[in-house]
C-alpha cells in the first residue's frame, strides 16, 4: 500500500528525530553554506528551506531507506559482507553517497557542489554523525543524507535568489 505524502513526511521526520537529528542543525549547515552569498539570510529562512526539501517524496524515501539500513546494520541483521561494509562505513562503499545524491538531484547541479563540500569537510552535525567512536549507532547513510538535505536546501535557497549572482545583476 502506498503511503500518503503527509504520512510519509511524518514518519521521515520522526525517524530523523529518533536518530538525534534536529532540523535546526541541518538549517545551520544551510546558513553556513549560503551566508557568503546572501547578506540578509536568517536561520528561519534556512529552516523553511530544510522543511521544504523534506516535503519531497523522493527525499522522504531516501531518509527512510538510509535510516533503515543503518538500523539493520546496528542490529547485525544484514548478510555478510554487506553487514561489515555498512557497519564499518567502508570508504570504498559509495552507495550511501549515491542514495544521498538522489536528494541533491531534486534541486539541480549547485546542490552537487554543496554536497561535495559538506561530504569532504564534514562540519558540525555531519561530523557528529560520522564519528563512529561517539555512539553505538551506525550512521553510514544518515551522515550523507543530512549533508544532502542541507545541500539541497542551500540550492533551493540559491535558486530562489538569482539576483545574488553577478551575472544576473
C-alpha atoms as a PDB file:
ATOM      1  CA  UNK A   1       0.000   0.000   0.000  1.00  0.00           C
ATOM      2  CA  UNK A   2       1.356   3.400  -0.998  1.00  0.00           C
ATOM      3  CA  UNK A   3       1.598   5.834   1.903  1.00  0.00           C
ATOM      4  CA  UNK A   4       0.144   9.314   1.604  1.00  0.00           C
ATOM      5  CA  UNK A   5       2.629  12.145   1.291  1.00  0.00           C
ATOM      6  CA  UNK A   6       1.765  13.578   4.681  1.00  0.00           C
ATOM      7  CA  UNK A   7       2.074  10.190   6.424  1.00  0.00           C
ATOM      8  CA  UNK A   8       5.437   9.524   4.769  1.00  0.00           C
ATOM      9  CA  UNK A   9       6.607  13.026   5.716  1.00  0.00           C
ATOM     10  CA  UNK A  10       5.579  12.495   9.337  1.00  0.00           C
ATOM     11  CA  UNK A  11       7.385   9.137   9.534  1.00  0.00           C
ATOM     12  CA  UNK A  12      10.560  10.566   7.959  1.00  0.00           C
ATOM     13  CA  UNK A  13      10.614  13.429  10.475  1.00  0.00           C
ATOM     14  CA  UNK A  14      10.129  11.001  13.381  1.00  0.00           C
ATOM     15  CA  UNK A  15      12.938   8.786  12.102  1.00  0.00           C
ATOM     16  CA  UNK A  16      15.332  11.730  11.846  1.00  0.00           C
ATOM     17  CA  UNK A  17      14.423  12.842  15.362  1.00  0.00           C
ATOM     18  CA  UNK A  18      14.827   9.305  16.731  1.00  0.00           C
ATOM     19  CA  UNK A  19      18.382   9.275  15.342  1.00  0.00           C
ATOM     20  CA  UNK A  20      19.256  12.536  17.101  1.00  0.00           C
ATOM     21  CA  UNK A  21      18.901  14.841  14.101  1.00  0.00           C
ATOM     22  CA  UNK A  22      17.327  18.235  14.690  1.00  0.00           C
ATOM     23  CA  UNK A  23      16.143  20.195  11.679  1.00  0.00           C
ATOM     24  CA  UNK A  24      17.684  23.313  13.223  1.00  0.00           C
ATOM     25  CA  UNK A  25      21.106  21.643  12.995  1.00  0.00           C
ATOM     26  CA  UNK A  26      20.584  20.999   9.295  1.00  0.00           C
ATOM     27  CA  UNK A  27      19.465  24.626   8.895  1.00  0.00           C
ATOM     28  CA  UNK A  28      22.761  25.695  10.497  1.00  0.00           C
ATOM     29  CA  UNK A  29      24.631  23.908   7.709  1.00  0.00           C
ATOM     30  CA  UNK A  30      22.492  25.710   5.127  1.00  0.00           C
ATOM     31  CA  UNK A  31      23.184  29.031   6.832  1.00  0.00           C
ATOM     32  CA  UNK A  32      26.932  28.412   6.717  1.00  0.00           C
ATOM     33  CA  UNK A  33      26.780  27.463   3.031  1.00  0.00           C
ATOM     34  CA  UNK A  34      24.732  30.488   1.959  1.00  0.00           C
ATOM     35  CA  UNK A  35      25.925  33.266   4.302  1.00  0.00           C
ATOM     36  CA  UNK A  36      28.714  34.361   1.922  1.00  0.00           C
ATOM     37  CA  UNK A  37      26.128  34.931  -0.818  1.00  0.00           C
ATOM     38  CA  UNK A  38      23.047  36.251   0.989  1.00  0.00           C
ATOM     39  CA  UNK A  39      23.588  39.127   3.392  1.00  0.00           C
ATOM     40  CA  UNK A  40      20.020  39.010   4.730  1.00  0.00           C
ATOM     41  CA  UNK A  41      19.917  35.271   5.373  1.00  0.00           C
ATOM     42  CA  UNK A  42      18.397  34.099   8.654  1.00  0.00           C
ATOM     43  CA  UNK A  43      18.150  30.785  10.421  1.00  0.00           C
ATOM     44  CA  UNK A  44      14.377  30.926   9.912  1.00  0.00           C
ATOM     45  CA  UNK A  45      14.810  31.122   6.132  1.00  0.00           C
ATOM     46  CA  UNK A  46      17.246  28.221   6.248  1.00  0.00           C
ATOM     47  CA  UNK A  47      14.871  26.135   8.350  1.00  0.00           C
ATOM     48  CA  UNK A  48      11.993  26.879   5.951  1.00  0.00           C
ATOM     49  CA  UNK A  49      14.119  25.563   3.091  1.00  0.00           C
ATOM     50  CA  UNK A  50      15.098  22.425   5.010  1.00  0.00           C
ATOM     51  CA  UNK A  51      11.421  21.786   5.731  1.00  0.00           C
ATOM     52  CA  UNK A  52      10.538  22.307   2.062  1.00  0.00           C
ATOM     53  CA  UNK A  53      13.167  19.780   0.986  1.00  0.00           C
ATOM     54  CA  UNK A  54      11.782  17.275   3.485  1.00  0.00           C
ATOM     55  CA  UNK A  55       8.305  17.616   1.994  1.00  0.00           C
ATOM     56  CA  UNK A  56       9.534  15.987  -1.229  1.00  0.00           C
ATOM     57  CA  UNK A  57       8.590  12.305  -1.521  1.00  0.00           C
ATOM     58  CA  UNK A  58      11.979  11.389  -3.060  1.00  0.00           C
ATOM     59  CA  UNK A  59      13.692  12.863  -0.025  1.00  0.00           C
ATOM     60  CA  UNK A  60      11.387  11.068   2.401  1.00  0.00           C
ATOM     61  CA  UNK A  61      12.067   7.771   0.614  1.00  0.00           C
ATOM     62  CA  UNK A  62      15.828   8.301   0.825  1.00  0.00           C
ATOM     63  CA  UNK A  63      15.618   9.203   4.539  1.00  0.00           C
ATOM     64  CA  UNK A  64      13.576   6.106   5.361  1.00  0.00           C
ATOM     65  CA  UNK A  65      15.733   3.772   3.270  1.00  0.00           C
ATOM     66  CA  UNK A  66      19.038   5.057   4.623  1.00  0.00           C
ATOM     67  CA  UNK A  67      17.985   5.042   8.260  1.00  0.00           C
ATOM     68  CA  UNK A  68      16.522   1.558   7.909  1.00  0.00           C
ATOM     69  CA  UNK A  69      19.795   0.219   6.504  1.00  0.00           C
ATOM     70  CA  UNK A  70      21.750   1.904   9.312  1.00  0.00           C
ATOM     71  CA  UNK A  71      19.441   0.374  11.948  1.00  0.00           C
ATOM     72  CA  UNK A  72      19.611  -3.084  10.375  1.00  0.00           C
ATOM     73  CA  UNK A  73      23.406  -2.851  10.442  1.00  0.00           C
ATOM     74  CA  UNK A  74      23.340  -1.829  14.125  1.00  0.00           C
ATOM     75  CA  UNK A  75      21.203  -4.868  14.873  1.00  0.00           C
ATOM     76  CA  UNK A  76      23.503  -7.161  12.881  1.00  0.00           C
ATOM     77  CA  UNK A  77      20.652  -8.166  10.568  1.00  0.00           C
ATOM     78  CA  UNK A  78      22.360  -7.779   7.195  1.00  0.00           C
ATOM     79  CA  UNK A  79      24.111 -10.570   5.333  1.00  0.00           C
ATOM     80  CA  UNK A  80      27.901 -10.653   5.169  1.00  0.00           C
ATOM     81  CA  UNK A  81      29.815  -8.908   3.659  1.00  0.00           C
ATOM     82  CA  UNK A  82      27.214  -6.085   3.459  1.00  0.00           C
ATOM     83  CA  UNK A  83      26.862  -6.161   7.255  1.00  0.00           C
ATOM     84  CA  UNK A  84      30.531  -5.407   7.818  1.00  0.00           C
ATOM     85  CA  UNK A  85      30.743  -2.892   4.976  1.00  0.00           C
ATOM     86  CA  UNK A  86      27.901  -0.754   6.325  1.00  0.00           C
ATOM     87  CA  UNK A  87      28.819  -1.293   9.967  1.00  0.00           C
ATOM     88  CA  UNK A  88      32.382  -0.070   9.319  1.00  0.00           C
ATOM     89  CA  UNK A  89      31.351   2.613   6.796  1.00  0.00           C
ATOM     90  CA  UNK A  90      33.937   1.248   4.407  1.00  0.00           C
ATOM     91  CA  UNK A  91      35.466   4.040   2.351  1.00  0.00           C
ATOM     92  CA  UNK A  92      35.060   2.274  -1.000  1.00  0.00           C
ATOM     93  CA  UNK A  93      31.358   1.661  -0.419  1.00  0.00           C
ATOM     94  CA  UNK A  94      29.728   4.537  -2.263  1.00  0.00           C
ATOM     95  CA  UNK A  95      26.089   3.509  -2.165  1.00  0.00           C
ATOM     96  CA  UNK A  96      25.493   5.797   0.819  1.00  0.00           C
ATOM     97  CA  UNK A  97      26.620   8.755  -1.297  1.00  0.00           C
ATOM     98  CA  UNK A  98      24.550   7.560  -4.268  1.00  0.00           C
ATOM     99  CA  UNK A  99      21.417   7.477  -2.111  1.00  0.00           C
ATOM    100  CA  UNK A 100      22.239  10.981  -0.859  1.00  0.00           C
ATOM    101  CA  UNK A 101      22.687  12.222  -4.415  1.00  0.00           C
ATOM    102  CA  UNK A 102      19.083  11.258  -5.136  1.00  0.00           C
ATOM    103  CA  UNK A 103      18.176  14.036  -2.693  1.00  0.00           C
ATOM    104  CA  UNK A 104      20.632  16.534  -4.168  1.00  0.00           C
ATOM    105  CA  UNK A 105      19.298  15.793  -7.669  1.00  0.00           C
ATOM    106  CA  UNK A 106      15.926  17.292  -6.792  1.00  0.00           C
ATOM    107  CA  UNK A 107      17.325  20.857  -6.788  1.00  0.00           C
ATOM    108  CA  UNK A 108      19.898  20.960  -9.570  1.00  0.00           C
ATOM    109  CA  UNK A 109      23.624  20.994 -10.094  1.00  0.00           C
ATOM    110  CA  UNK A 110      24.554  23.607  -7.466  1.00  0.00           C
ATOM    111  CA  UNK A 111      23.496  21.021  -4.890  1.00  0.00           C
ATOM    112  CA  UNK A 112      26.229  18.667  -6.102  1.00  0.00           C
ATOM    113  CA  UNK A 113      28.987  21.124  -5.270  1.00  0.00           C
ATOM    114  CA  UNK A 114      27.408  21.967  -1.910  1.00  0.00           C
ATOM    115  CA  UNK A 115      27.072  18.267  -1.117  1.00  0.00           C
ATOM    116  CA  UNK A 116      30.655  17.518  -2.169  1.00  0.00           C
ATOM    117  CA  UNK A 117      31.912  20.295   0.089  1.00  0.00           C
ATOM    118  CA  UNK A 118      29.876  19.051   3.067  1.00  0.00           C
ATOM    119  CA  UNK A 119      30.867  15.426   2.475  1.00  0.00           C
ATOM    120  CA  UNK A 120      34.540  16.339   2.321  1.00  0.00           C
ATOM    121  CA  UNK A 121      34.677  18.800   5.236  1.00  0.00           C
ATOM    122  CA  UNK A 122      32.074  17.089   7.489  1.00  0.00           C
ATOM    123  CA  UNK A 123      31.102  20.149   9.550  1.00  0.00           C
ATOM    124  CA  UNK A 124      29.029  20.199  12.734  1.00  0.00           C
ATOM    125  CA  UNK A 125      26.144  17.692  12.706  1.00  0.00           C
ATOM    126  CA  UNK A 126      27.681  15.695   9.860  1.00  0.00           C
ATOM    127  CA  UNK A 127      30.916  15.274  11.835  1.00  0.00           C
ATOM    128  CA  UNK A 128      28.976  14.113  14.900  1.00  0.00           C
ATOM    129  CA  UNK A 129      27.056  11.544  12.863  1.00  0.00           C
ATOM    130  CA  UNK A 130      30.186  10.372  11.045  1.00  0.00           C
ATOM    131  CA  UNK A 131      32.183   9.902  14.269  1.00  0.00           C
ATOM    132  CA  UNK A 132      31.906   6.188  14.929  1.00  0.00           C
ATOM    133  CA  UNK A 133      33.598   6.446  18.343  1.00  0.00           C
ATOM    134  CA  UNK A 134      30.968   8.690  19.955  1.00  0.00           C
ATOM    135  CA  UNK A 135      27.942   6.426  19.674  1.00  0.00           C
ATOM    136  CA  UNK A 136      26.842   2.841  19.338  1.00  0.00           C
ATOM    137  CA  UNK A 137      24.682   3.890  16.396  1.00  0.00           C
ATOM    138  CA  UNK A 138      25.558   3.312  12.771  1.00  0.00           C
ATOM    139  CA  UNK A 139      25.162   6.381  10.569  1.00  0.00           C
ATOM    140  CA  UNK A 140      26.754   5.208   7.329  1.00  0.00           C
ATOM    141  CA  UNK A 141      23.771   6.505   5.373  1.00  0.00           C
ATOM    142  CA  UNK A 142      22.466   9.193   7.715  1.00  0.00           C
ATOM    143  CA  UNK A 143      25.516  11.459   7.680  1.00  0.00           C
ATOM    144  CA  UNK A 144      25.330  11.602   3.885  1.00  0.00           C
ATOM    145  CA  UNK A 145      21.560  12.066   3.890  1.00  0.00           C
ATOM    146  CA  UNK A 146      21.839  15.014   6.294  1.00  0.00           C
ATOM    147  CA  UNK A 147      24.527  16.560   4.098  1.00  0.00           C
ATOM    148  CA  UNK A 148      22.335  16.069   1.051  1.00  0.00           C
ATOM    149  CA  UNK A 149      19.307  17.664   2.731  1.00  0.00           C
ATOM    150  CA  UNK A 150      21.430  20.678   3.689  1.00  0.00           C
ATOM    151  CA  UNK A 151      22.934  20.892   0.184  1.00  0.00           C
ATOM    152  CA  UNK A 152      19.501  20.645  -1.433  1.00  0.00           C
ATOM    153  CA  UNK A 153      18.076  23.305   0.898  1.00  0.00           C
ATOM    154  CA  UNK A 154      21.022  25.610   0.126  1.00  0.00           C
ATOM    155  CA  UNK A 155      20.478  25.003  -3.586  1.00  0.00           C
ATOM    156  CA  UNK A 156      16.754  25.709  -3.247  1.00  0.00           C
ATOM    157  CA  UNK A 157      17.594  28.933  -1.443  1.00  0.00           C
ATOM    158  CA  UNK A 158      20.115  29.950  -4.113  1.00  0.00           C
ATOM    159  CA  UNK A 159      17.636  29.243  -6.914  1.00  0.00           C
ATOM    160  CA  UNK A 160      15.087  31.382  -5.101  1.00  0.00           C
ATOM    161  CA  UNK A 161      17.530  34.308  -5.056  1.00  0.00           C
ATOM    162  CA  UNK A 162      19.028  34.505  -8.563  1.00  0.00           C
ATOM    163  CA  UNK A 163      19.768  38.216  -8.154  1.00  0.00           C
ATOM    164  CA  UNK A 164      22.679  37.380  -5.886  1.00  0.00           C
ATOM    165  CA  UNK A 165      24.701  36.275  -8.922  1.00  0.00           C
ATOM    166  CA  UNK A 166      26.894  38.972 -10.511  1.00  0.00           C
ATOM    167  CA  UNK A 167      25.762  37.713 -13.909  1.00  0.00           C
ATOM    168  CA  UNK A 168      22.113  38.364 -13.064  1.00  0.00           C
ATOM    169  CA  UNK A 169      22.744  41.951 -11.906  1.00  0.00           C
END
